[in-house]
Amino acid sequence: MIDENTLRQPQVIVYSTKTCPYCILAKRYLSEKGVKYVDYDVGADREKALEMMTKSGQMGVPVLDIGGRIIVGFDRAAIDEALAGR
């Protein structure tokens, strides 16, 4: 059976590094909310690092792409709004 919440959830991409504490918090927050996401380690993947910089204009992590909405840093309110489609 397909979960309706999964069908409505926007695509979520997290650009992070292994040692970034805010990246760990952001991914933990998404997991606790049951949000599926793709995680790219921009410390190890130069192509994804460039993609992140193009999308966000930033070099810092984390950067979240939630359905095309770019969030720089771990911002719970912005994450919740983007997940809700607001």
Protein backbone atom coordinates (compact mmCIF):
# COMPACT_ATOMS: atom_id res chain seq x y z
CA MET A 1 0.00 0.00 0.00
CA ILE A 2 1.28 3.49 -0.88
CA ASP A 3 1.38 6.07 1.89
CA GLU A 4 -0.49 9.26 0.89
CA ASN A 5 1.99 11.45 2.80
CA THR A 6 4.84 10.04 0.73
CA LEU A 7 2.96 10.92 -2.46
CA ARG A 8 2.47 14.51 -1.31
CA GLN A 9 5.97 15.03 0.01
CA PRO A 10 8.15 17.22 -2.19
CA GLN A 11 11.53 15.93 -3.27
CA VAL A 12 14.07 16.70 -0.56
CA ILE A 13 17.81 16.98 -1.18
CA VAL A 14 20.32 17.70 1.56
CA TYR A 15 23.79 18.96 0.68
CA SER A 16 26.04 18.29 3.65
CA THR A 17 29.42 17.21 4.93
CA LYS A 18 30.19 14.40 7.34
CA THR A 19 31.61 16.68 10.04
CA CYS A 20 29.03 19.49 10.00
CA PRO A 21 26.98 19.44 13.23
CA TYR A 22 24.11 21.42 11.68
CA CYS A 23 23.98 18.97 8.78
CA ILE A 24 23.60 16.13 11.25
CA LEU A 25 20.83 18.02 13.08
CA ALA A 26 18.99 18.79 9.82
CA LYS A 27 19.08 15.17 8.66
CA ARG A 28 18.01 13.95 12.10
CA TYR A 29 15.11 16.42 12.08
CA LEU A 30 13.94 15.22 8.65
CA SER A 31 14.23 11.58 9.73
CA GLU A 32 12.26 12.23 12.93
CA LYS A 33 9.50 13.76 10.80
CA GLY A 34 9.51 10.68 8.55
CA VAL A 35 10.75 12.68 5.57
CA LYS A 36 12.67 10.77 2.92
CA TYR A 37 15.62 12.66 1.48
CA VAL A 38 18.67 12.27 -0.71
CA ASP A 39 21.92 13.27 0.96
CA TYR A 40 24.93 14.47 -1.01
CA ASP A 41 28.29 14.75 0.75
CA VAL A 42 29.69 17.89 -0.88
CA GLY A 43 33.00 17.33 0.88
CA ALA A 44 33.54 14.23 -1.24
CA ASP A 45 31.58 15.09 -4.41
CA ARG A 46 32.81 18.18 -6.24
CA GLU A 47 30.03 18.02 -8.84
CA LYS A 48 27.36 18.11 -6.12
CA ALA A 49 29.25 20.90 -4.33
CA LEU A 50 29.07 22.98 -7.52
CA GLU A 51 25.39 22.11 -7.90
CA MET A 52 24.77 23.26 -4.33
CA MET A 53 26.62 26.54 -4.90
CA THR A 54 24.69 27.18 -8.11
CA LYS A 55 21.35 26.61 -6.38
CA SER A 56 22.10 28.52 -3.19
CA GLY A 57 24.86 30.99 -3.99
CA GLN A 58 26.48 29.70 -0.80
CA MET A 59 29.47 27.55 0.05
CA GLY A 60 28.34 26.72 3.59
CA VAL A 61 26.33 23.67 4.60
CA PRO A 62 23.76 22.43 5.12
CA VAL A 63 21.76 23.45 2.10
CA LEU A 64 18.35 21.87 1.68
CA ASP A 65 16.38 21.79 -1.55
CA ILE A 66 12.78 21.04 -0.67
CA GLY A 67 10.66 20.93 -3.80
CA GLY A 68 12.81 23.64 -5.36
CA ARG A 69 12.83 25.88 -2.29
CA ILE A 70 16.41 26.44 -1.14
CA ILE A 71 17.10 26.65 2.60
CA VAL A 72 20.60 27.54 3.77
CA GLY A 73 21.39 26.33 7.27
CA PHE A 74 19.30 24.35 9.73
CA ASP A 75 16.08 26.37 9.99
CA ARG A 76 13.23 24.28 11.42
CA ALA A 77 10.53 26.82 10.60
CA ALA A 78 11.65 27.17 6.96
CA ILE A 79 11.89 23.38 6.62
CA ASP A 80 8.38 22.91 8.01
CA GLU A 81 6.97 25.61 5.71
CA ALA A 82 8.65 24.12 2.65
CA LEU A 83 7.41 20.62 3.51
CA ALA A 84 3.90 21.99 3.93
CA GLY A 85 4.11 23.68 0.53
CA ARG A 86 3.96 27.21 1.95
